[in-house]
Amino acid sequence: MSDAIAPFVVPPVTLIGHPNITMGRGEHIRAVWRAFRAAGITTRIYNLHGQSAPEEPAFQELVPHTITEIPDGIRIFHLNGDELAGAIENLERRQSGVFRAGHNIAFPAWELPRYPEEWACQLERFNEVWAASAFVESSLRAAVSVPVIHLTNACEPHLVAPLPRKHFGLDESRFLILFFFDLFSYTSRKNPLAAIETFRRIVAARPSADIQLVLKLNNTAHDPSVLSKLQEAIIGLGDRVTLLDATLTDNEVKSLIRYCDCFLSLHRSEGFGRGPAEAMFFGKPVVATGWSGNMEYMNAEVSFPVGFDLIPVNEGEYPAWQNQHWAEPKISDAVGALLRIIDEPALARTVGERARIHMQTNFSDQVLGFRYRERVREIVENNFASGKRTNMPIHMSMYRLFLERARFFWKTILG
């Protein structure tokens, strides 16, 4: 048995964040919890919002593992850089001295090449930082002096009860192209107008094709003017475009992805890109901008990366926009890829099946969970080998003794 999977004594591992929200950061902490579980480590959950009960049945599995006090050990903060200072302050008010009593890991999201300097200062307070993709890793390494560990986002979708298309009022027979857009994710970054323009060109090229674009929107109340622009952009396309403006449950979102025929994302930048990843898990052909964090799992064999030009980020388009760049996807490339998928169903099925196998082989809960587990093992060994420790309490040195005994057992008795 290799050291990577050999048993070891695991200190308390606590995931800190917002486990009950339906936005990306909530999905992130839930996904990492499931990945750890698949690797044999049941982590604890600390809800920064308090002990509010999850509204969704899909989140109920977390309830028995939700705690009200953070123990010593390893803590993983599923928070963005601008949240960290306030979160640490709140924790210290609830439990004085809690932050320095453990090995603290920040696991932030970020979507641009340069990490904000003012947020990087908060990351320096942590023992290490985890990066969800190689793209994010590059951004973080240039900004902080603490160790940055590349550990891919857990992204395997979990569907509780599949829902058919009719649940969403969608035609069962049409070729359905799905696009996701949350207004809290910034309109310029998600680039929904490019998706509409791409679809308009496809309709012009294949006027008799039985196709439909579904724009799944979220949080439109955040900026009603954006919704107005989208409604104006789809004029003339009739019932070929559906604006699905609703807050869906996690199960509904996963069902919608499962029953689409193709997933489209013409983003200008992604830190990781959960939507395309989940679509590939379901065996769907994905057409997406071939730049930034989604290239963690995308390539031309298992998806349809769209060409791009790098352009400056303009004022107001994203936080810390100064001296940043992102991708402007080539609409002609996206049109070409979608026409191939529509015209060649066998190709679409082949690429989708390759995508499914690729994701299950390389990005399943178990695969990524064992990567997380291995990093936990390294932390334990590095902290207690030869009496070395970071800011973990001294009494946790007993883990070193247990670790040595466990490894002796597996290597000498079981061979």
Protein backbone atom coordinates (compact mmCIF):
# COMPACT_ATOMS: atom_id res chain seq x y z
CA MET A 1 0.00 0.00 0.00
CA SER A 2 1.40 3.40 -1.02
CA ASP A 3 1.90 6.25 1.42
CA ALA A 4 -0.65 8.25 -0.57
CA ILE A 5 -3.49 5.96 0.48
CA ALA A 6 -2.10 4.50 3.69
CA PRO A 7 -4.22 5.23 6.77
CA PHE A 8 -3.08 7.99 9.07
CA VAL A 9 -4.53 9.73 12.07
CA VAL A 10 -6.50 12.69 10.78
CA PRO A 11 -6.79 15.79 12.95
CA PRO A 12 -10.14 17.60 12.89
CA VAL A 13 -10.73 19.08 9.44
CA THR A 14 -13.29 21.88 9.39
CA LEU A 15 -14.73 23.55 6.30
CA ILE A 16 -15.74 27.15 6.99
CA GLY A 17 -18.10 29.14 4.79
CA HIS A 18 -21.69 29.35 3.61
CA PRO A 19 -22.85 25.76 3.04
CA ASN A 20 -26.57 26.51 2.63
CA ILE A 21 -26.52 29.16 -0.09
CA THR A 22 -27.24 28.25 -3.71
CA MET A 23 -24.49 30.45 -5.16
CA GLY A 24 -21.04 29.28 -6.27
CA ARG A 25 -19.29 29.58 -2.91
CA GLY A 26 -21.98 27.42 -1.30
CA GLU A 27 -21.66 24.81 -4.01
CA HIS A 28 -17.89 24.90 -3.54
CA ILE A 29 -17.92 24.00 0.15
CA ARG A 30 -20.51 21.26 -0.40
CA ALA A 31 -18.50 19.77 -3.26
CA VAL A 32 -15.28 19.72 -1.24
CA TRP A 33 -17.11 18.10 1.70
CA ARG A 34 -18.37 15.31 -0.59
CA ALA A 35 -14.92 14.81 -2.09
CA PHE A 36 -13.34 14.44 1.35
CA ARG A 37 -16.06 11.96 2.27
CA ALA A 38 -15.36 9.92 -0.89
CA ALA A 39 -11.73 9.69 0.25
CA GLY A 40 -12.68 8.46 3.72
CA ILE A 41 -12.46 11.74 5.67
CA THR A 42 -15.64 13.12 7.16
CA THR A 43 -15.04 16.81 7.66
CA ARG A 44 -16.93 19.19 9.90
CA ILE A 45 -18.89 22.17 8.56
CA TYR A 46 -18.94 25.58 10.23
CA ASN A 47 -21.64 27.89 8.88
CA LEU A 48 -20.63 31.53 9.15
CA HIS A 49 -24.30 32.48 8.85
CA GLY A 50 -25.10 30.55 12.01
CA GLN A 51 -27.14 27.40 12.46
CA SER A 52 -29.77 28.16 9.83
CA ALA A 53 -31.32 24.95 8.53
CA PRO A 54 -30.75 24.27 4.83
CA GLU A 55 -33.85 24.83 2.73
CA GLU A 56 -32.97 22.23 0.12
CA PRO A 57 -33.28 18.47 0.70
CA ALA A 58 -30.00 18.02 -1.22
CA PHE A 59 -28.15 19.85 1.55
CA GLN A 60 -29.59 17.85 4.45
CA GLU A 61 -26.67 15.42 4.42
CA LEU A 62 -24.49 18.21 5.82
CA VAL A 63 -26.65 18.83 8.89
CA PRO A 64 -25.23 16.08 11.16
CA HIS A 65 -21.72 17.39 10.46
CA THR A 66 -22.45 21.06 11.11
CA ILE A 67 -20.81 22.38 14.28
CA THR A 68 -21.12 25.52 16.41
CA GLU A 69 -17.53 25.68 17.70
CA ILE A 70 -14.40 25.29 15.60
CA PRO A 71 -11.97 22.69 16.97
CA ASP A 72 -8.18 22.75 16.73
CA GLY A 73 -6.74 21.12 13.65
CA ILE A 74 -7.04 22.00 9.97
CA ARG A 75 -9.51 24.63 8.81
CA ILE A 76 -10.33 25.39 5.19
CA PHE A 77 -11.95 28.78 4.57
CA HIS A 78 -14.20 28.69 1.49
CA LEU A 79 -14.31 32.46 1.24
CA ASN A 80 -13.17 35.13 -1.18
CA GLY A 81 -10.41 37.54 -0.36
CA ASP A 82 -12.72 40.43 0.43
CA GLU A 83 -14.60 38.30 3.01
CA LEU A 84 -11.67 37.04 5.05
CA ALA A 85 -10.99 39.96 7.39
CA GLY A 86 -14.63 40.21 8.48
CA ALA A 87 -14.95 36.45 8.85
CA ILE A 88 -11.86 36.17 11.07
CA GLU A 89 -13.07 39.09 13.18
CA ASN A 90 -16.47 37.43 13.65
CA LEU A 91 -14.89 34.10 14.58
CA GLU A 92 -12.67 35.76 17.18
CA ARG A 93 -15.71 37.43 18.74
CA ARG A 94 -17.38 34.05 19.04
CA GLN A 95 -14.26 32.07 20.04
CA SER A 96 -11.37 34.17 21.28
CA GLY A 97 -8.03 32.88 20.01
CA VAL A 98 -9.63 30.39 17.63
CA PHE A 99 -7.79 31.50 14.49
CA ARG A 100 -4.26 30.97 15.80
CA ALA A 101 -5.20 27.58 17.28
CA GLY A 102 -5.07 25.67 14.02
CA HIS A 103 -3.59 25.27 10.55
CA ASN A 104 -5.63 27.70 8.45
CA ILE A 105 -6.12 27.34 4.70
CA ALA A 106 -7.77 29.88 2.39
CA PHE A 107 -9.55 28.47 -0.68
CA PRO A 108 -10.67 31.61 -2.57
CA ALA A 109 -12.23 32.06 -5.98
CA TRP A 110 -10.79 34.53 -8.48
CA GLU A 111 -11.21 35.08 -12.20
CA LEU A 112 -8.44 37.38 -13.48
CA PRO A 113 -4.67 37.04 -14.03
CA ARG A 114 -3.68 39.44 -11.22
CA TYR A 115 -4.92 38.89 -7.68
CA PRO A 116 -5.92 42.13 -5.86
CA GLU A 117 -3.17 43.44 -3.63
CA GLU A 118 -5.54 44.47 -0.84
CA TRP A 119 -7.02 40.96 -0.70
CA ALA A 120 -3.60 39.31 -0.87
CA CYS A 121 -2.73 40.98 2.45
CA GLN A 122 -5.49 38.93 4.08
CA LEU A 123 -4.22 35.70 2.52
CA GLU A 124 -0.85 36.29 4.19
CA ARG A 125 -2.55 35.58 7.53
CA PHE A 126 -3.05 31.94 6.50
CA ASN A 127 -0.67 28.98 6.63
CA GLU A 128 -1.35 28.20 2.99
CA VAL A 129 -3.70 28.95 0.11
CA TRP A 130 -5.40 26.41 -2.15
CA ALA A 131 -5.98 27.23 -5.82
CA ALA A 132 -8.92 25.71 -7.71
CA SER A 133 -7.14 25.70 -11.07
CA ALA A 134 -3.73 26.28 -12.59
CA PHE A 135 -5.04 29.64 -13.80
CA VAL A 136 -5.89 30.74 -10.25
CA GLU A 137 -2.64 29.27 -8.95
CA SER A 138 -0.62 31.51 -11.26
CA SER A 139 -2.54 34.57 -10.07
CA LEU A 140 -2.11 33.74 -6.39
CA ARG A 141 1.58 32.76 -6.54
CA ALA A 142 2.45 36.18 -7.90
CA ALA A 143 0.55 37.90 -5.09
CA VAL A 144 1.42 36.10 -1.83
CA SER A 145 4.45 34.70 -0.02
CA VAL A 146 2.65 31.86 1.78
CA PRO A 147 2.56 28.44 0.05
CA VAL A 148 0.03 28.12 -2.78
CA ILE A 149 -1.19 24.58 -3.44
CA HIS A 150 -2.94 23.68 -6.68
CA LEU A 151 -5.92 21.50 -5.72
CA THR A 152 -8.64 21.35 -8.37
CA ASN A 153 -12.20 22.26 -7.49
CA ALA A 154 -14.40 19.28 -6.68
CA CYS A 155 -17.10 19.40 -9.36
CA GLU A 156 -18.91 16.06 -9.65
CA PRO A 157 -22.65 16.83 -9.85
CA HIS A 158 -25.06 15.06 -7.49
CA LEU A 159 -28.62 14.72 -8.75
CA VAL A 160 -31.22 13.76 -6.14
CA ALA A 161 -34.28 13.27 -8.35
CA PRO A 162 -34.01 13.91 -12.11
CA LEU A 163 -36.65 16.28 -13.47
CA PRO A 164 -37.80 16.19 -17.13
CA ARG A 165 -37.77 19.12 -19.51
CA LYS A 166 -41.50 19.65 -19.10
CA HIS A 167 -40.83 20.63 -15.47
CA PHE A 168 -39.21 23.78 -16.91
CA GLY A 169 -41.77 24.25 -19.68
CA LEU A 170 -39.26 23.23 -22.34
CA ASP A 171 -39.97 21.26 -25.52
CA GLU A 172 -38.97 17.61 -25.24
CA SER A 173 -37.86 17.26 -28.87
CA ARG A 174 -35.90 20.41 -29.62
CA PHE A 175 -32.10 20.57 -29.64
CA LEU A 176 -31.50 22.57 -26.49
CA ILE A 177 -28.46 24.83 -26.00
CA LEU A 178 -28.02 25.91 -22.38
CA PHE A 179 -26.31 29.06 -21.12
CA PHE A 180 -25.99 30.07 -17.43
CA PHE A 181 -25.82 33.63 -16.19
CA ASP A 182 -25.91 34.94 -12.60
CA LEU A 183 -25.93 38.73 -12.42
CA PHE A 184 -23.79 38.62 -9.29
CA SER A 185 -21.08 37.13 -11.52
CA TYR A 186 -20.76 40.34 -13.57
CA THR A 187 -22.36 40.74 -16.99
CA SER A 188 -19.14 41.65 -18.78
CA ARG A 189 -17.40 38.52 -17.55
CA LYS A 190 -20.21 36.09 -18.35
CA ASN A 191 -20.89 37.77 -21.72
CA PRO A 192 -24.52 36.72 -22.35
CA LEU A 193 -24.97 38.99 -25.39
CA ALA A 194 -22.28 36.98 -27.21
CA ALA A 195 -24.32 33.82 -26.61
CA ILE A 196 -27.41 35.45 -28.10
CA GLU A 197 -25.49 36.75 -31.12
CA THR A 198 -23.99 33.29 -31.66
CA PHE A 199 -27.44 31.73 -31.58
CA ARG A 200 -28.84 34.37 -33.94
CA ARG A 201 -26.17 33.46 -36.51
CA ILE A 202 -26.93 29.76 -36.10
CA VAL A 203 -30.62 30.37 -36.77
CA ALA A 204 -29.69 32.35 -39.88
CA ALA A 205 -27.42 29.51 -41.08
CA ARG A 206 -29.93 26.74 -40.25
CA PRO A 207 -33.37 28.37 -40.37
CA SER A 208 -35.22 25.06 -40.39
CA ALA A 209 -33.27 23.49 -37.52
CA ASP A 210 -35.39 22.63 -34.48
CA ILE A 211 -33.13 24.36 -31.96
CA GLN A 212 -33.63 26.42 -28.83
CA LEU A 213 -31.41 28.59 -26.65
CA VAL A 214 -32.18 28.56 -22.92
CA LEU A 215 -30.68 31.42 -20.94
CA LYS A 216 -30.84 30.39 -17.29
CA LEU A 217 -30.75 33.65 -15.34
CA ASN A 218 -30.32 34.26 -11.64
CA ASN A 219 -30.55 37.38 -9.47
CA THR A 220 -31.93 39.63 -12.22
CA ALA A 221 -33.26 41.97 -9.51
CA HIS A 222 -29.64 42.91 -8.87
CA ASP A 223 -29.65 44.90 -12.14
CA PRO A 224 -33.00 45.03 -13.99
CA SER A 225 -31.37 46.97 -16.84
CA VAL A 226 -29.41 43.86 -17.82
CA LEU A 227 -32.63 41.87 -18.15
CA SER A 228 -34.04 44.61 -20.37
CA LYS A 229 -30.96 44.43 -22.62
CA LEU A 230 -31.30 40.66 -22.93
CA GLN A 231 -35.00 40.93 -23.77
CA GLU A 232 -34.16 43.48 -26.44
CA ALA A 233 -31.37 41.29 -27.84
CA ILE A 234 -33.66 38.31 -28.42
CA ILE A 235 -36.28 40.26 -30.35
CA GLY A 236 -37.01 38.47 -33.61
CA LEU A 237 -36.00 35.03 -32.35
CA GLY A 238 -39.47 34.20 -31.08
CA ASP A 239 -39.90 31.01 -29.08
CA ARG A 240 -36.47 29.81 -30.13
CA VAL A 241 -35.06 31.60 -27.05
CA THR A 242 -36.27 31.09 -23.49
CA LEU A 243 -35.25 33.38 -20.66
CA LEU A 244 -35.57 31.17 -17.61
CA ASP A 245 -35.58 33.86 -14.94
CA ALA A 246 -36.03 31.96 -11.68
CA THR A 247 -34.20 30.82 -8.60
CA LEU A 248 -33.94 27.06 -9.02
CA THR A 249 -33.08 24.44 -6.46
CA ASP A 250 -29.78 22.62 -6.76
CA ASN A 251 -31.64 19.57 -8.03
CA GLU A 252 -33.43 21.63 -10.68
CA VAL A 253 -30.15 23.16 -11.88
CA LYS A 254 -28.52 19.75 -12.20
CA SER A 255 -31.59 18.36 -14.02
CA LEU A 256 -31.52 21.26 -16.47
CA ILE A 257 -27.89 20.53 -17.30
CA ARG A 258 -28.56 16.82 -17.62
CA TYR A 259 -31.38 17.29 -20.13
CA CYS A 260 -29.78 19.92 -22.35
CA ASP A 261 -28.13 18.82 -25.60
CA CYS A 262 -25.21 21.24 -25.46
CA PHE A 263 -23.72 23.66 -22.93
CA LEU A 264 -22.50 27.06 -24.11
CA SER A 265 -20.23 29.45 -22.19
CA LEU A 266 -18.70 32.43 -23.96
CA HIS A 267 -17.23 33.88 -20.80
CA ARG A 268 -14.34 36.29 -20.84
CA SER A 269 -12.74 34.60 -17.84
CA GLU A 270 -13.42 31.84 -15.32
CA GLY A 271 -11.58 30.85 -12.18
CA PHE A 272 -12.79 27.30 -12.77
CA GLY A 273 -16.21 27.16 -14.43
CA ARG A 274 -18.50 24.75 -12.61
CA GLY A 275 -21.27 24.82 -15.24
CA PRO A 276 -19.19 23.45 -18.15
CA ALA A 277 -17.56 20.90 -15.83
CA GLU A 278 -20.91 19.53 -14.65
CA ALA A 279 -22.20 19.40 -18.23
CA MET A 280 -19.17 17.33 -19.24
CA PHE A 281 -19.81 14.97 -16.30
CA PHE A 282 -23.29 14.42 -17.79
CA GLY A 283 -21.75 13.63 -21.19
CA LYS A 284 -22.76 16.87 -22.92
CA PRO A 285 -20.73 18.55 -25.66
CA VAL A 286 -19.45 21.84 -24.26
CA VAL A 287 -18.66 24.91 -26.38
CA ALA A 288 -16.74 27.40 -24.24
CA THR A 289 -14.09 30.08 -24.46
CA GLY A 290 -10.72 28.31 -24.58
CA TRP A 291 -9.03 30.43 -21.93
CA SER A 292 -8.73 30.68 -18.13
CA GLY A 293 -9.78 28.25 -15.42
CA ASN A 294 -12.07 26.03 -17.51
CA MET A 295 -9.01 24.79 -19.40
CA GLU A 296 -8.24 22.86 -16.21
CA TYR A 297 -10.55 20.14 -17.59
CA MET A 298 -11.27 21.17 -21.20
CA ASN A 299 -9.29 20.30 -24.31
CA ALA A 300 -10.07 19.77 -27.99
CA GLU A 301 -10.52 16.01 -27.56
CA VAL A 302 -13.31 16.23 -25.00
CA SER A 303 -14.91 19.61 -25.76
CA PHE A 304 -15.06 22.49 -28.23
CA PRO A 305 -12.77 25.30 -27.02
CA VAL A 306 -13.57 28.62 -28.71
CA GLY A 307 -10.77 30.85 -30.02
CA PHE A 308 -10.27 34.29 -28.52
CA ASP A 309 -8.33 37.53 -28.47
CA LEU A 310 -6.96 38.96 -25.22
CA ILE A 311 -8.33 42.41 -24.46
CA PRO A 312 -8.01 44.83 -21.52
CA VAL A 313 -10.61 44.76 -18.75
CA ASN A 314 -12.35 48.12 -18.72
CA GLU A 315 -13.22 50.26 -15.72
CA GLY A 316 -16.27 48.98 -13.86
CA GLU A 317 -16.37 45.62 -15.63
CA TYR A 318 -14.87 43.68 -12.71
CA PRO A 319 -13.25 44.32 -9.31
CA ALA A 320 -9.56 45.25 -9.44
CA TRP A 321 -9.86 45.83 -13.19
CA GLN A 322 -6.71 47.93 -13.50
CA ASN A 323 -3.92 46.38 -15.62
CA GLN A 324 -5.95 43.23 -16.17
CA HIS A 325 -6.86 41.38 -19.34
CA TRP A 326 -9.29 38.67 -20.35
CA ALA A 327 -10.55 36.88 -23.44
CA GLU A 328 -12.89 38.12 -26.13
CA PRO A 329 -14.30 34.87 -27.60
CA LYS A 330 -14.54 34.65 -31.38
CA ILE A 331 -18.21 34.32 -32.18
CA SER A 332 -17.42 32.81 -35.57
CA ASP A 333 -15.59 29.96 -33.82
CA ALA A 334 -18.53 29.34 -31.49
CA VAL A 335 -20.94 29.33 -34.44
CA GLY A 336 -18.75 26.84 -36.29
CA ALA A 337 -18.54 24.51 -33.31
CA LEU A 338 -22.29 24.58 -32.67
CA LEU A 339 -23.09 23.97 -36.34
CA ARG A 340 -20.84 20.90 -36.28
CA ILE A 341 -22.64 19.62 -33.21
CA ILE A 342 -26.06 20.24 -34.77
CA ASP A 343 -25.12 18.82 -38.19
CA GLU A 344 -23.17 15.82 -36.89
CA PRO A 345 -25.06 14.16 -34.01
CA ALA A 346 -22.63 11.25 -33.95
CA LEU A 347 -19.74 13.64 -33.37
CA ALA A 348 -21.64 15.36 -30.58
CA ARG A 349 -22.31 12.01 -28.89
CA THR A 350 -18.69 10.91 -29.28
CA VAL A 351 -17.23 14.09 -27.80
CA GLY A 352 -19.83 14.06 -25.03
CA GLU A 353 -18.97 10.49 -24.10
CA ARG A 354 -15.27 11.28 -24.12
CA ALA A 355 -16.03 14.21 -21.83
CA ARG A 356 -17.97 12.00 -19.42
CA ILE A 357 -15.16 9.43 -19.19
CA HIS A 358 -12.54 12.18 -18.89
CA MET A 359 -14.33 13.86 -16.00
CA GLN A 360 -15.12 10.64 -14.14
CA THR A 361 -11.54 9.43 -14.56
CA ASN A 362 -9.78 12.63 -13.55
CA PHE A 363 -12.21 14.82 -11.60
CA SER A 364 -14.57 12.57 -9.67
CA ASP A 365 -15.20 13.12 -5.96
CA GLN A 366 -13.00 10.16 -5.15
CA VAL A 367 -10.09 11.23 -7.37
CA LEU A 368 -10.05 14.81 -6.10
CA GLY A 369 -10.89 13.71 -2.56
CA PHE A 370 -7.73 11.63 -2.41
CA ARG A 371 -5.73 14.65 -3.58
CA TYR A 372 -7.20 16.64 -0.69
CA ARG A 373 -6.52 13.74 1.64
CA GLU A 374 -2.91 13.55 0.52
CA ARG A 375 -2.43 17.24 1.25
CA VAL A 376 -3.88 16.75 4.73
CA ARG A 377 -1.41 13.90 5.27
CA GLU A 378 1.47 16.15 4.17
CA ILE A 379 0.33 18.86 6.58
CA VAL A 380 0.23 16.38 9.46
CA GLU A 381 3.68 15.00 8.62
CA ASN A 382 5.26 18.40 8.07
CA ASN A 383 3.85 19.82 11.28
CA PHE A 384 4.92 16.99 13.55
CA ALA A 385 8.02 15.48 11.95
CA SER A 386 11.01 16.10 14.22
CA GLY A 387 8.87 18.19 16.51
CA LYS A 388 8.24 20.82 13.82
CA ARG A 389 4.90 22.59 14.04
CA THR A 390 3.12 25.65 12.71
CA ASN A 391 0.45 27.27 14.85
CA MET A 392 -1.28 24.04 15.83
CA PRO A 393 -1.61 23.48 19.57
CA ILE A 394 1.24 21.58 21.23
CA HIS A 395 -1.09 18.90 22.52
CA MET A 396 -1.71 17.81 18.93
CA SER A 397 1.81 16.39 18.76
CA MET A 398 0.20 13.10 19.77
CA TYR A 399 -0.77 12.84 16.09
CA ARG A 400 2.89 12.34 15.27
CA LEU A 401 3.06 9.30 17.56
CA PHE A 402 -0.15 7.85 16.12
CA LEU A 403 1.10 8.52 12.61
CA GLU A 404 4.34 6.65 13.21
CA ARG A 405 2.53 3.66 14.71
CA ALA A 406 0.01 3.51 11.86
CA ARG A 407 2.71 3.64 9.19
CA PHE A 408 4.76 1.00 11.03
CA PHE A 409 1.70 -1.27 11.10
CA TRP A 410 0.96 -0.97 7.41
CA LYS A 411 4.56 -1.26 6.24
CA THR A 412 5.83 -4.04 8.50
CA ILE A 413 2.78 -6.14 9.30
CA LEU A 414 0.80 -5.89 6.05
CA GLY A 415 3.79 -5.36 3.84
